[in-house]
Amino acid sequence: MEISIVVARILGLTYLAAGVAALGGAVTFGKMVEDFERSPALTFVTGFLTLVLGTLLVTYHNVWVKNWTVLITIIGWMSVLKGVLLIAFPRYLGFCKGWYRHSRAWGCLMLAMGVLFGYFGFLR
């Protein structure tokens, strides 16, 4: 099975679950950012995992083409950047705090990304 399909399935299910959780009120991203600010260990571990997963994505799927698979590459590079920032500059969370106030908007975005990746991973 092509790597793009496997990654699309994983991202699709992950984004769908996160989107449903955010829209259902089970997750509030603003509160999560506050928890991160209070816990340097949680921030570091999350940064480490984000960096590792992003590096895996860009190592095995660094594809710059004019179709949907480039989204996986972009997500991979964004994960690398976010992982580095969380590890090296954990205070940058305060800068991003305002972005995460609107959990419902993030939920809609994640749901849309989940449907998109689910379509390409499972249906196409």
PDB file of N, CA and C in Angstrom:
ATOM      1  N   MET A   1       0.850  -1.175   0.000  1.00  0.00           N
ATOM      2  CA  MET A   1       0.000   0.000   0.000  1.00  0.00           C
ATOM      3  C   MET A   1       0.895   1.238   0.000  1.00  0.00           C
ATOM      4  N   GLU A   2       0.533   2.210  -0.765  1.00  0.00           N
ATOM      5  CA  GLU A   2       1.315   3.432  -0.875  1.00  0.00           C
ATOM      6  C   GLU A   2       1.324   4.191   0.459  1.00  0.00           C
ATOM      7  N   ILE A   3       2.471   4.756   0.781  1.00  0.00           N
ATOM      8  CA  ILE A   3       2.640   5.465   2.054  1.00  0.00           C
ATOM      9  C   ILE A   3       1.640   6.612   2.202  1.00  0.00           C
ATOM     10  N   SER A   4       1.327   7.294   1.123  1.00  0.00           N
ATOM     11  CA  SER A   4       0.379   8.410   1.191  1.00  0.00           C
ATOM     12  C   SER A   4      -0.993   7.942   1.672  1.00  0.00           C
ATOM     13  N   ILE A   5      -1.413   6.786   1.230  1.00  0.00           N
ATOM     14  CA  ILE A   5      -2.718   6.246   1.621  1.00  0.00           C
ATOM     15  C   ILE A   5      -2.715   5.893   3.098  1.00  0.00           C
ATOM     16  N   VAL A   6      -1.652   5.248   3.559  1.00  0.00           N
ATOM     17  CA  VAL A   6      -1.553   4.864   4.969  1.00  0.00           C
ATOM     18  C   VAL A   6      -1.578   6.103   5.861  1.00  0.00           C
ATOM     19  N   VAL A   7      -0.771   7.106   5.513  1.00  0.00           N
ATOM     20  CA  VAL A   7      -0.717   8.331   6.309  1.00  0.00           C
ATOM     21  C   VAL A   7      -2.058   9.056   6.250  1.00  0.00           C
ATOM     22  N   ALA A   8      -2.701   9.087   5.089  1.00  0.00           N
ATOM     23  CA  ALA A   8      -4.012   9.737   4.967  1.00  0.00           C
ATOM     24  C   ALA A   8      -5.035   9.055   5.864  1.00  0.00           C
ATOM     25  N   ARG A   9      -4.976   7.748   5.971  1.00  0.00           N
ATOM     26  CA  ARG A   9      -5.901   7.026   6.857  1.00  0.00           C
ATOM     27  C   ARG A   9      -5.654   7.393   8.319  1.00  0.00           C
ATOM     28  N   ILE A  10      -4.387   7.413   8.704  1.00  0.00           N
ATOM     29  CA  ILE A  10      -4.047   7.750  10.092  1.00  0.00           C
ATOM     30  C   ILE A  10      -4.461   9.188  10.406  1.00  0.00           C
ATOM     31  N   LEU A  11      -4.100  10.125   9.534  1.00  0.00           N
ATOM     32  CA  LEU A  11      -4.457  11.526   9.753  1.00  0.00           C
ATOM     33  C   LEU A  11      -5.971  11.720   9.718  1.00  0.00           C
ATOM     34  N   GLY A  12      -6.633  11.040   8.799  1.00  0.00           N
ATOM     35  CA  GLY A  12      -8.084  11.175   8.687  1.00  0.00           C
ATOM     36  C   GLY A  12      -8.790  10.764   9.963  1.00  0.00           C
ATOM     37  N   LEU A  13      -8.446   9.606  10.484  1.00  0.00           N
ATOM     38  CA  LEU A  13      -9.088   9.135  11.719  1.00  0.00           C
ATOM     39  C   LEU A  13      -8.721  10.020  12.909  1.00  0.00           C
ATOM     40  N   THR A  14      -7.471  10.451  12.966  1.00  0.00           N
ATOM     41  CA  THR A  14      -7.031  11.303  14.074  1.00  0.00           C
ATOM     42  C   THR A  14      -7.742  12.644  14.049  1.00  0.00           C
ATOM     43  N   TYR A  15      -7.784  13.279  12.881  1.00  0.00           N
ATOM     44  CA  TYR A  15      -8.457  14.571  12.767  1.00  0.00           C
ATOM     45  C   TYR A  15      -9.961  14.453  13.000  1.00  0.00           C
ATOM     46  N   LEU A  16     -10.571  13.379  12.513  1.00  0.00           N
ATOM     47  CA  LEU A  16     -12.011  13.184  12.762  1.00  0.00           C
ATOM     48  C   LEU A  16     -12.300  13.066  14.254  1.00  0.00           C
ATOM     49  N   ALA A  17     -11.503  12.261  14.951  1.00  0.00           N
ATOM     50  CA  ALA A  17     -11.713  12.080  16.387  1.00  0.00           C
ATOM     51  C   ALA A  17     -11.518  13.390  17.146  1.00  0.00           C
ATOM     52  N   ALA A  18     -10.464  14.128  16.805  1.00  0.00           N
ATOM     53  CA  ALA A  18     -10.195  15.406  17.480  1.00  0.00           C
ATOM     54  C   ALA A  18     -11.279  16.429  17.160  1.00  0.00           C
ATOM     55  N   GLY A  19     -11.748  16.443  15.919  1.00  0.00           N
ATOM     56  CA  GLY A  19     -12.805  17.378  15.541  1.00  0.00           C
ATOM     57  C   GLY A  19     -14.103  17.110  16.265  1.00  0.00           C
ATOM     58  N   VAL A  20     -14.470  15.837  16.361  1.00  0.00           N
ATOM     59  CA  VAL A  20     -15.690  15.470  17.083  1.00  0.00           C
ATOM     60  C   VAL A  20     -15.546  15.824  18.561  1.00  0.00           C
ATOM     61  N   ALA A  21     -14.374  15.568  19.137  1.00  0.00           N
ATOM     62  CA  ALA A  21     -14.142  15.896  20.550  1.00  0.00           C
ATOM     63  C   ALA A  21     -14.244  17.401  20.786  1.00  0.00           C
ATOM     64  N   ALA A  22     -13.684  18.186  19.886  1.00  0.00           N
ATOM     65  CA  ALA A  22     -13.735  19.641  20.042  1.00  0.00           C
ATOM     66  C   ALA A  22     -15.150  20.168  19.867  1.00  0.00           C
ATOM     67  N   LEU A  23     -15.855  19.669  18.878  1.00  0.00           N
ATOM     68  CA  LEU A  23     -17.228  20.140  18.648  1.00  0.00           C
ATOM     69  C   LEU A  23     -18.187  19.648  19.722  1.00  0.00           C
ATOM     70  N   GLY A  24     -17.900  18.491  20.287  1.00  0.00           N
ATOM     71  CA  GLY A  24     -18.753  17.949  21.337  1.00  0.00           C
ATOM     72  C   GLY A  24     -18.467  18.525  22.712  1.00  0.00           C
ATOM     73  N   GLY A  25     -17.426  19.331  22.818  1.00  0.00           N
ATOM     74  CA  GLY A  25     -17.094  19.959  24.085  1.00  0.00           C
ATOM     75  C   GLY A  25     -16.203  19.122  24.981  1.00  0.00           C
ATOM     76  N   ALA A  26     -15.767  17.951  24.510  1.00  0.00           N
ATOM     77  CA  ALA A  26     -14.893  17.098  25.324  1.00  0.00           C
ATOM     78  C   ALA A  26     -13.488  17.672  25.429  1.00  0.00           C
ATOM     79  N   VAL A  27     -13.118  18.511  24.471  1.00  0.00           N
ATOM     80  CA  VAL A  27     -11.790  19.113  24.434  1.00  0.00           C
ATOM     81  C   VAL A  27     -11.936  20.616  24.321  1.00  0.00           C
ATOM     82  N   THR A  28     -11.199  21.345  25.128  1.00  0.00           N
ATOM     83  CA  THR A  28     -11.135  22.800  25.032  1.00  0.00           C
ATOM     84  C   THR A  28      -9.669  23.172  24.849  1.00  0.00           C
ATOM     85  N   PHE A  29      -9.330  23.628  23.663  1.00  0.00           N
ATOM     86  CA  PHE A  29      -7.929  23.860  23.340  1.00  0.00           C
ATOM     87  C   PHE A  29      -7.303  24.974  24.165  1.00  0.00           C
ATOM     88  N   GLY A  30      -8.062  25.987  24.507  1.00  0.00           N
ATOM     89  CA  GLY A  30      -7.542  27.062  25.349  1.00  0.00           C
ATOM     90  C   GLY A  30      -7.082  26.543  26.704  1.00  0.00           C
ATOM     91  N   LYS A  31      -7.877  25.655  27.293  1.00  0.00           N
ATOM     92  CA  LYS A  31      -7.505  25.069  28.587  1.00  0.00           C
ATOM     93  C   LYS A  31      -6.290  24.153  28.443  1.00  0.00           C
ATOM     94  N   MET A  32      -6.201  23.472  27.327  1.00  0.00           N
ATOM     95  CA  MET A  32      -5.045  22.613  27.104  1.00  0.00           C
ATOM     96  C   MET A  32      -3.761  23.435  27.028  1.00  0.00           C
ATOM     97  N   VAL A  33      -3.805  24.569  26.359  1.00  0.00           N
ATOM     98  CA  VAL A  33      -2.627  25.438  26.275  1.00  0.00           C
ATOM     99  C   VAL A  33      -2.246  25.940  27.661  1.00  0.00           C
ATOM    100  N   GLU A  34      -3.235  26.268  28.480  1.00  0.00           N
ATOM    101  CA  GLU A  34      -2.947  26.697  29.857  1.00  0.00           C
ATOM    102  C   GLU A  34      -2.263  25.573  30.638  1.00  0.00           C
ATOM    103  N   ASP A  35      -2.720  24.347  30.459  1.00  0.00           N
ATOM    104  CA  ASP A  35      -2.081  23.208  31.113  1.00  0.00           C
ATOM    105  C   ASP A  35      -0.631  23.047  30.645  1.00  0.00           C
ATOM    106  N   PHE A  36      -0.397  23.245  29.365  1.00  0.00           N
ATOM    107  CA  PHE A  36       0.961  23.167  28.830  1.00  0.00           C
ATOM    108  C   PHE A  36       1.851  24.222  29.475  1.00  0.00           C
ATOM    109  N   GLU A  37       1.331  25.423  29.628  1.00  0.00           N
ATOM    110  CA  GLU A  37       2.119  26.507  30.222  1.00  0.00           C
ATOM    111  C   GLU A  37       2.516  26.181  31.660  1.00  0.00           C
ATOM    112  N   ARG A  38       1.667  25.471  32.368  1.00  0.00           N
ATOM    113  CA  ARG A  38       1.949  25.123  33.769  1.00  0.00           C
ATOM    114  C   ARG A  38       2.842  23.894  33.902  1.00  0.00           C
ATOM    115  N   SER A  39       3.027  23.128  32.837  1.00  0.00           N
ATOM    116  CA  SER A  39       3.782  21.884  32.928  1.00  0.00           C
ATOM    117  C   SER A  39       4.910  21.835  31.895  1.00  0.00           C
ATOM    118  N   PRO A  40       6.116  22.250  32.289  1.00  0.00           N
ATOM    119  CA  PRO A  40       7.250  22.173  31.361  1.00  0.00           C
ATOM    120  C   PRO A  40       7.524  20.743  30.878  1.00  0.00           C
ATOM    121  N   ALA A  41       7.296  19.761  31.726  1.00  0.00           N
ATOM    122  CA  ALA A  41       7.528  18.370  31.327  1.00  0.00           C
ATOM    123  C   ALA A  41       6.564  17.956  30.219  1.00  0.00           C
ATOM    124  N   LEU A  42       5.293  18.314  30.364  1.00  0.00           N
ATOM    125  CA  LEU A  42       4.296  17.996  29.346  1.00  0.00           C
ATOM    126  C   LEU A  42       4.630  18.693  28.031  1.00  0.00           C
ATOM    127  N   THR A  43       5.052  19.934  28.119  1.00  0.00           N
ATOM    128  CA  THR A  43       5.430  20.678  26.920  1.00  0.00           C
ATOM    129  C   THR A  43       6.611  20.011  26.227  1.00  0.00           C
ATOM    130  N   PHE A  44       7.623  19.624  27.007  1.00  0.00           N
ATOM    131  CA  PHE A  44       8.806  18.994  26.427  1.00  0.00           C
ATOM    132  C   PHE A  44       8.469  17.656  25.778  1.00  0.00           C
ATOM    133  N   VAL A  45       7.714  16.816  26.477  1.00  0.00           N
ATOM    134  CA  VAL A  45       7.367  15.504  25.934  1.00  0.00           C
ATOM    135  C   VAL A  45       6.529  15.650  24.668  1.00  0.00           C
ATOM    136  N   THR A  46       5.586  16.571  24.682  1.00  0.00           N
ATOM    137  CA  THR A  46       4.765  16.803  23.489  1.00  0.00           C
ATOM    138  C   THR A  46       5.625  17.320  22.337  1.00  0.00           C
ATOM    139  N   GLY A  47       6.540  18.231  22.635  1.00  0.00           N
ATOM    140  CA  GLY A  47       7.452  18.730  21.609  1.00  0.00           C
ATOM    141  C   GLY A  47       8.317  17.623  21.042  1.00  0.00           C
ATOM    142  N   PHE A  48       8.809  16.761  21.914  1.00  0.00           N
ATOM    143  CA  PHE A  48       9.631  15.640  21.488  1.00  0.00           C
ATOM    144  C   PHE A  48       8.852  14.716  20.552  1.00  0.00           C
ATOM    145  N   LEU A  49       7.645  14.330  20.966  1.00  0.00           N
ATOM    146  CA  LEU A  49       6.828  13.437  20.133  1.00  0.00           C
ATOM    147  C   LEU A  49       6.433  14.097  18.816  1.00  0.00           C
ATOM    148  N   THR A  50       6.111  15.379  18.867  1.00  0.00           N
ATOM    149  CA  THR A  50       5.747  16.106  17.654  1.00  0.00           C
ATOM    150  C   THR A  50       6.934  16.172  16.696  1.00  0.00           C
ATOM    151  N   LEU A  51       8.110  16.419  17.234  1.00  0.00           N
ATOM    152  CA  LEU A  51       9.315  16.470  16.406  1.00  0.00           C
ATOM    153  C   LEU A  51       9.619  15.101  15.794  1.00  0.00           C
ATOM    154  N   VAL A  52       9.514  14.048  16.576  1.00  0.00           N
ATOM    155  CA  VAL A  52       9.784  12.702  16.061  1.00  0.00           C
ATOM    156  C   VAL A  52       8.788  12.330  14.958  1.00  0.00           C
ATOM    157  N   LEU A  53       7.497  12.551  15.201  1.00  0.00           N
ATOM    158  CA  LEU A  53       6.493  12.207  14.190  1.00  0.00           C
ATOM    159  C   LEU A  53       6.626  13.067  12.934  1.00  0.00           C
ATOM    160  N   GLY A  54       6.900  14.350  13.118  1.00  0.00           N
ATOM    161  CA  GLY A  54       7.107  15.225  11.963  1.00  0.00           C
ATOM    162  C   GLY A  54       8.330  14.819  11.157  1.00  0.00           C
ATOM    163  N   THR A  55       9.406  14.457  11.856  1.00  0.00           N
ATOM    164  CA  THR A  55      10.618  14.015  11.162  1.00  0.00           C
ATOM    165  C   THR A  55      10.371  12.720  10.402  1.00  0.00           C
ATOM    166  N   LEU A  56       9.615  11.805  10.992  1.00  0.00           N
ATOM    167  CA  LEU A  56       9.255  10.580  10.268  1.00  0.00           C
ATOM    168  C   LEU A  56       8.457  10.898   9.008  1.00  0.00           C
ATOM    169  N   LEU A  57       7.510  11.813   9.137  1.00  0.00           N
ATOM    170  CA  LEU A  57       6.708  12.185   7.964  1.00  0.00           C
ATOM    171  C   LEU A  57       7.567  12.783   6.853  1.00  0.00           C
ATOM    172  N   VAL A  58       8.431  13.729   7.194  1.00  0.00           N
ATOM    173  CA  VAL A  58       9.224  14.370   6.131  1.00  0.00           C
ATOM    174  C   VAL A  58      10.329  13.458   5.613  1.00  0.00           C
ATOM    175  N   THR A  59      10.756  12.493   6.427  1.00  0.00           N
ATOM    176  CA  THR A  59      11.770  11.552   5.954  1.00  0.00           C
ATOM    177  C   THR A  59      11.177  10.580   4.940  1.00  0.00           C
ATOM    178  N   TYR A  60       9.990  10.078   5.228  1.00  0.00           N
ATOM    179  CA  TYR A  60       9.392   9.069   4.360  1.00  0.00           C
ATOM    180  C   TYR A  60       8.353   9.620   3.391  1.00  0.00           C
ATOM    181  N   HIS A  61       7.993  10.884   3.553  1.00  0.00           N
ATOM    182  CA  HIS A  61       6.977  11.449   2.661  1.00  0.00           C
ATOM    183  C   HIS A  61       7.273  12.922   2.396  1.00  0.00           C
ATOM    184  N   ASN A  62       8.414  13.205   1.832  1.00  0.00           N
ATOM    185  CA  ASN A  62       8.772  14.572   1.470  1.00  0.00           C
ATOM    186  C   ASN A  62       8.478  14.747  -0.024  1.00  0.00           C
ATOM    187  N   VAL A  63       7.193  14.816  -0.325  1.00  0.00           N
ATOM    188  CA  VAL A  63       6.709  14.811  -1.706  1.00  0.00           C
ATOM    189  C   VAL A  63       6.120  16.177  -2.036  1.00  0.00           C
ATOM    190  N   TRP A  64       6.751  16.891  -2.950  1.00  0.00           N
ATOM    191  CA  TRP A  64       6.284  18.224  -3.340  1.00  0.00           C
ATOM    192  C   TRP A  64       5.694  18.144  -4.746  1.00  0.00           C
ATOM    193  N   VAL A  65       4.418  17.788  -4.814  1.00  0.00           N
ATOM    194  CA  VAL A  65       3.711  17.643  -6.079  1.00  0.00           C
ATOM    195  C   VAL A  65       2.444  18.494  -6.040  1.00  0.00           C
ATOM    196  N   LYS A  66       1.790  18.603  -7.177  1.00  0.00           N
ATOM    197  CA  LYS A  66       0.574  19.418  -7.257  1.00  0.00           C
ATOM    198  C   LYS A  66      -0.679  18.549  -7.113  1.00  0.00           C
ATOM    199  N   ASN A  67      -0.744  17.797  -6.023  1.00  0.00           N
ATOM    200  CA  ASN A  67      -1.968  17.069  -5.702  1.00  0.00           C
ATOM    201  C   ASN A  67      -2.102  16.988  -4.186  1.00  0.00           C
ATOM    202  N   TRP A  68      -3.071  16.243  -3.717  1.00  0.00           N
ATOM    203  CA  TRP A  68      -3.403  16.225  -2.294  1.00  0.00           C
ATOM    204  C   TRP A  68      -2.276  15.710  -1.413  1.00  0.00           C
ATOM    205  N   THR A  69      -1.359  14.905  -1.935  1.00  0.00           N
ATOM    206  CA  THR A  69      -0.310  14.323  -1.099  1.00  0.00           C
ATOM    207  C   THR A  69       0.655  15.368  -0.544  1.00  0.00           C
ATOM    208  N   VAL A  70       0.720  16.526  -1.166  1.00  0.00           N
ATOM    209  CA  VAL A  70       1.589  17.585  -0.645  1.00  0.00           C
ATOM    210  C   VAL A  70       1.104  18.059   0.730  1.00  0.00           C
ATOM    211  N   LEU A  71      -0.178  17.889   1.023  1.00  0.00           N
ATOM    212  CA  LEU A  71      -0.698  18.265   2.340  1.00  0.00           C
ATOM    213  C   LEU A  71      -0.030  17.463   3.454  1.00  0.00           C
ATOM    214  N   ILE A  72       0.273  16.208   3.186  1.00  0.00           N
ATOM    215  CA  ILE A  72       0.957  15.378   4.175  1.00  0.00           C
ATOM    216  C   ILE A  72       2.356  15.928   4.429  1.00  0.00           C
ATOM    217  N   THR A  73       3.041  16.308   3.370  1.00  0.00           N
ATOM    218  CA  THR A  73       4.379  16.882   3.507  1.00  0.00           C
ATOM    219  C   THR A  73       4.336  18.190   4.293  1.00  0.00           C
ATOM    220  N   ILE A  74       3.360  19.026   3.998  1.00  0.00           N
ATOM    221  CA  ILE A  74       3.229  20.311   4.712  1.00  0.00           C
ATOM    222  C   ILE A  74       2.948  20.065   6.191  1.00  0.00           C
ATOM    223  N   ILE A  75       2.070  19.123   6.495  1.00  0.00           N
ATOM    224  CA  ILE A  75       1.784  18.793   7.898  1.00  0.00           C
ATOM    225  C   ILE A  75       3.052  18.275   8.578  1.00  0.00           C
ATOM    226  N   GLY A  76       3.827  17.476   7.867  1.00  0.00           N
ATOM    227  CA  GLY A  76       5.081  16.973   8.421  1.00  0.00           C
ATOM    228  C   GLY A  76       6.053  18.083   8.763  1.00  0.00           C
ATOM    229  N   TRP A  77       6.243  19.023   7.845  1.00  0.00           N
ATOM    230  CA  TRP A  77       7.160  20.140   8.102  1.00  0.00           C
ATOM    231  C   TRP A  77       6.637  21.054   9.206  1.00  0.00           C
ATOM    232  N   MET A  78       5.319  21.249   9.259  1.00  0.00           N
ATOM    233  CA  MET A  78       4.751  22.050  10.348  1.00  0.00           C
ATOM    234  C   MET A  78       4.964  21.360  11.694  1.00  0.00           C
ATOM    235  N   SER A  79       4.885  20.038  11.708  1.00  0.00           N
ATOM    236  CA  SER A  79       5.124  19.290  12.943  1.00  0.00           C
ATOM    237  C   SER A  79       6.578  19.399  13.380  1.00  0.00           C
ATOM    238  N   VAL A  80       7.499  19.340  12.428  1.00  0.00           N
ATOM    239  CA  VAL A  80       8.910  19.514  12.765  1.00  0.00           C
ATOM    240  C   VAL A  80       9.128  20.885  13.396  1.00  0.00           C
ATOM    241  N   LEU A  81       8.599  21.906  12.770  1.00  0.00           N
ATOM    242  CA  LEU A  81       8.751  23.270  13.286  1.00  0.00           C
ATOM    243  C   LEU A  81       8.130  23.413  14.668  1.00  0.00           C
ATOM    244  N   LYS A  82       6.923  22.898  14.836  1.00  0.00           N
ATOM    245  CA  LYS A  82       6.248  22.995  16.129  1.00  0.00           C
ATOM    246  C   LYS A  82       7.006  22.226  17.209  1.00  0.00           C
ATOM    247  N   GLY A  83       7.518  21.048  16.874  1.00  0.00           N
ATOM    248  CA  GLY A  83       8.284  20.269  17.836  1.00  0.00           C
ATOM    249  C   GLY A  83       9.535  21.000  18.289  1.00  0.00           C
ATOM    250  N   VAL A  84      10.249  21.591  17.341  1.00  0.00           N
ATOM    251  CA  VAL A  84      11.454  22.362  17.684  1.00  0.00           C
ATOM    252  C   VAL A  84      11.087  23.544  18.576  1.00  0.00           C
ATOM    253  N   LEU A  85      10.023  24.256  18.222  1.00  0.00           N
ATOM    254  CA  LEU A  85       9.607  25.411  19.024  1.00  0.00           C
ATOM    255  C   LEU A  85       9.200  25.006  20.432  1.00  0.00           C
ATOM    256  N   LEU A  86       8.467  23.897  20.571  1.00  0.00           N
ATOM    257  CA  LEU A  86       8.047  23.462  21.896  1.00  0.00           C
ATOM    258  C   LEU A  86       9.231  23.046  22.766  1.00  0.00           C
ATOM    259  N   ILE A  87      10.229  22.438  22.161  1.00  0.00           N
ATOM    260  CA  ILE A  87      11.393  22.003  22.930  1.00  0.00           C
ATOM    261  C   ILE A  87      12.319  23.178  23.237  1.00  0.00           C
ATOM    262  N   ALA A  88      12.654  23.942  22.209  1.00  0.00           N
ATOM    263  CA  ALA A  88      13.663  24.996  22.370  1.00  0.00           C
ATOM    264  C   ALA A  88      13.098  26.296  22.935  1.00  0.00           C
ATOM    265  N   PHE A  89      11.868  26.620  22.603  1.00  0.00           N
ATOM    266  CA  PHE A  89      11.251  27.884  23.021  1.00  0.00           C
ATOM    267  C   PHE A  89       9.847  27.633  23.569  1.00  0.00           C
ATOM    268  N   PRO A  90       9.730  26.967  24.703  1.00  0.00           N
ATOM    269  CA  PRO A  90       8.394  26.612  25.209  1.00  0.00           C
ATOM    270  C   PRO A  90       7.520  27.820  25.515  1.00  0.00           C
ATOM    271  N   ARG A  91       8.103  28.977  25.697  1.00  0.00           N
ATOM    272  CA  ARG A  91       7.304  30.169  25.991  1.00  0.00           C
ATOM    273  C   ARG A  91       6.553  30.692  24.770  1.00  0.00           C
ATOM    274  N   TYR A  92       6.846  30.145  23.599  1.00  0.00           N
ATOM    275  CA  TYR A  92       6.116  30.568  22.406  1.00  0.00           C
ATOM    276  C   TYR A  92       4.645  30.184  22.502  1.00  0.00           C
ATOM    277  N   LEU A  93       4.317  29.275  23.417  1.00  0.00           N
ATOM    278  CA  LEU A  93       2.915  28.913  23.623  1.00  0.00           C
ATOM    279  C   LEU A  93       2.064  30.123  23.976  1.00  0.00           C
ATOM    280  N   GLY A  94       2.625  31.040  24.745  1.00  0.00           N
ATOM    281  CA  GLY A  94       1.897  32.251  25.096  1.00  0.00           C
ATOM    282  C   GLY A  94       1.537  33.065  23.864  1.00  0.00           C
ATOM    283  N   PHE A  95       2.413  33.055  22.878  1.00  0.00           N
ATOM    284  CA  PHE A  95       2.169  33.755  21.617  1.00  0.00           C
ATOM    285  C   PHE A  95       1.000  33.128  20.860  1.00  0.00           C
ATOM    286  N   CYS A  96       0.889  31.813  20.925  1.00  0.00           N
ATOM    287  CA  CYS A  96      -0.147  31.092  20.175  1.00  0.00           C
ATOM    288  C   CYS A  96      -1.450  30.937  20.943  1.00  0.00           C
ATOM    289  N   LYS A  97      -1.456  31.349  22.181  1.00  0.00           N
ATOM    290  CA  LYS A  97      -2.613  31.123  23.050  1.00  0.00           C
ATOM    291  C   LYS A  97      -3.917  31.652  22.447  1.00  0.00           C
ATOM    292  N   GLY A  98      -3.877  32.829  21.846  1.00  0.00           N
ATOM    293  CA  GLY A  98      -5.078  33.425  21.275  1.00  0.00           C
ATOM    294  C   GLY A  98      -5.668  32.617  20.133  1.00  0.00           C
ATOM    295  N   TRP A  99      -4.827  31.880  19.413  1.00  0.00           N
ATOM    296  CA  TRP A  99      -5.303  31.072  18.293  1.00  0.00           C
ATOM    297  C   TRP A  99      -6.190  29.927  18.752  1.00  0.00           C
ATOM    298  N   TYR A 100      -5.946  29.460  19.957  1.00  0.00           N
ATOM    299  CA  TYR A 100      -6.641  28.265  20.431  1.00  0.00           C
ATOM    300  C   TYR A 100      -7.879  28.565  21.270  1.00  0.00           C
ATOM    301  N   ARG A 101      -8.294  29.803  21.326  1.00  0.00           N
ATOM    302  CA  ARG A 101      -9.477  30.158  22.125  1.00  0.00           C
ATOM    303  C   ARG A 101     -10.771  29.642  21.521  1.00  0.00           C
ATOM    304  N   HIS A 102     -10.783  29.459  20.237  1.00  0.00           N
ATOM    305  CA  HIS A 102     -12.017  29.094  19.534  1.00  0.00           C
ATOM    306  C   HIS A 102     -12.011  27.598  19.217  1.00  0.00           C
ATOM    307  N   SER A 103     -12.327  26.791  20.221  1.00  0.00           N
ATOM    308  CA  SER A 103     -12.278  25.335  20.064  1.00  0.00           C
ATOM    309  C   SER A 103     -13.244  24.840  18.995  1.00  0.00           C
ATOM    310  N   ARG A 104     -14.401  25.473  18.883  1.00  0.00           N
ATOM    311  CA  ARG A 104     -15.365  25.039  17.864  1.00  0.00           C
ATOM    312  C   ARG A 104     -14.831  25.275  16.448  1.00  0.00           C
ATOM    313  N   ALA A 105     -14.173  26.392  16.233  1.00  0.00           N
ATOM    314  CA  ALA A 105     -13.584  26.660  14.915  1.00  0.00           C
ATOM    315  C   ALA A 105     -12.499  25.632  14.605  1.00  0.00           C
ATOM    316  N   TRP A 106     -11.651  25.335  15.595  1.00  0.00           N
ATOM    317  CA  TRP A 106     -10.625  24.309  15.403  1.00  0.00           C
ATOM    318  C   TRP A 106     -11.283  22.948  15.169  1.00  0.00           C
ATOM    319  N   GLY A 107     -12.369  22.690  15.860  1.00  0.00           N
ATOM    320  CA  GLY A 107     -13.087  21.435  15.666  1.00  0.00           C
ATOM    321  C   GLY A 107     -13.609  21.299  14.244  1.00  0.00           C
ATOM    322  N   CYS A 108     -14.164  22.382  13.713  1.00  0.00           N
ATOM    323  CA  CYS A 108     -14.652  22.366  12.319  1.00  0.00           C
ATOM    324  C   CYS A 108     -13.506  22.148  11.341  1.00  0.00           C
ATOM    325  N   LEU A 109     -12.385  22.820  11.590  1.00  0.00           N
ATOM    326  CA  LEU A 109     -11.212  22.654  10.720  1.00  0.00           C
ATOM    327  C   LEU A 109     -10.712  21.216  10.775  1.00  0.00           C
ATOM    328  N   MET A 110     -10.620  20.662  11.970  1.00  0.00           N
ATOM    329  CA  MET A 110     -10.142  19.279  12.107  1.00  0.00           C
ATOM    330  C   MET A 110     -11.110  18.289  11.485  1.00  0.00           C
ATOM    331  N   LEU A 111     -12.387  18.538  11.652  1.00  0.00           N
ATOM    332  CA  LEU A 111     -13.385  17.672  11.027  1.00  0.00           C
ATOM    333  C   LEU A 111     -13.251  17.711   9.508  1.00  0.00           C
ATOM    334  N   ALA A 112     -13.079  18.895   8.948  1.00  0.00           N
ATOM    335  CA  ALA A 112     -12.899  19.032   7.503  1.00  0.00           C
ATOM    336  C   ALA A 112     -11.626  18.318   7.033  1.00  0.00           C
ATOM    337  N   MET A 113     -10.545  18.478   7.789  1.00  0.00           N
ATOM    338  CA  MET A 113      -9.295  17.792   7.432  1.00  0.00           C
ATOM    339  C   MET A 113      -9.479  16.269   7.545  1.00  0.00           C
ATOM    340  N   GLY A 114     -10.204  15.826   8.562  1.00  0.00           N
ATOM    341  CA  GLY A 114     -10.471  14.405   8.721  1.00  0.00           C
ATOM    342  C   GLY A 114     -11.268  13.834   7.567  1.00  0.00           C
ATOM    343  N   VAL A 115     -12.273  14.572   7.131  1.00  0.00           N
ATOM    344  CA  VAL A 115     -13.081  14.123   5.987  1.00  0.00           C
ATOM    345  C   VAL A 115     -12.220  14.095   4.721  1.00  0.00           C
ATOM    346  N   LEU A 116     -11.403  15.116   4.524  1.00  0.00           N
ATOM    347  CA  LEU A 116     -10.536  15.182   3.348  1.00  0.00           C
ATOM    348  C   LEU A 116      -9.562  14.004   3.318  1.00  0.00           C
ATOM    349  N   PHE A 117      -8.826  13.811   4.416  1.00  0.00           N
ATOM    350  CA  PHE A 117      -7.871  12.718   4.443  1.00  0.00           C
ATOM    351  C   PHE A 117      -8.563  11.361   4.463  1.00  0.00           C
ATOM    352  N   GLY A 118      -9.721  11.274   5.109  1.00  0.00           N
ATOM    353  CA  GLY A 118     -10.485  10.032   5.088  1.00  0.00           C
ATOM    354  C   GLY A 118     -10.928   9.663   3.681  1.00  0.00           C
ATOM    355  N   TYR A 119     -11.336  10.659   2.931  1.00  0.00           N
ATOM    356  CA  TYR A 119     -11.748  10.419   1.540  1.00  0.00           C
ATOM    357  C   TYR A 119     -10.578   9.860   0.734  1.00  0.00           C
ATOM    358  N   PHE A 120      -9.435  10.521   0.810  1.00  0.00           N
ATOM    359  CA  PHE A 120      -8.278  10.067   0.031  1.00  0.00           C
ATOM    360  C   PHE A 120      -7.681   8.771   0.580  1.00  0.00           C
ATOM    361  N   GLY A 121      -7.823   8.525   1.860  1.00  0.00           N
ATOM    362  CA  GLY A 121      -7.258   7.318   2.432  1.00  0.00           C
ATOM    363  C   GLY A 121      -8.132   6.090   2.302  1.00  0.00           C
ATOM    364  N   PHE A 122      -9.437   6.265   2.379  1.00  0.00           N
ATOM    365  CA  PHE A 122     -10.321   5.113   2.399  1.00  0.00           C
ATOM    366  C   PHE A 122     -11.190   4.963   1.150  1.00  0.00           C
ATOM    367  N   LEU A 123     -11.572   6.056   0.515  1.00  0.00           N
ATOM    368  CA  LEU A 123     -12.549   5.984  -0.567  1.00  0.00           C
ATOM    369  C   LEU A 123     -11.951   6.108  -1.968  1.00  0.00           C
ATOM    370  N   ARG A 124     -10.920   6.844  -2.091  1.00  0.00           N
ATOM    371  CA  ARG A 124     -10.387   7.107  -3.437  1.00  0.00           C
ATOM    372  C   ARG A 124      -9.470   6.035  -3.902  1.00  0.00           C
TER     373      ARG A 124
END
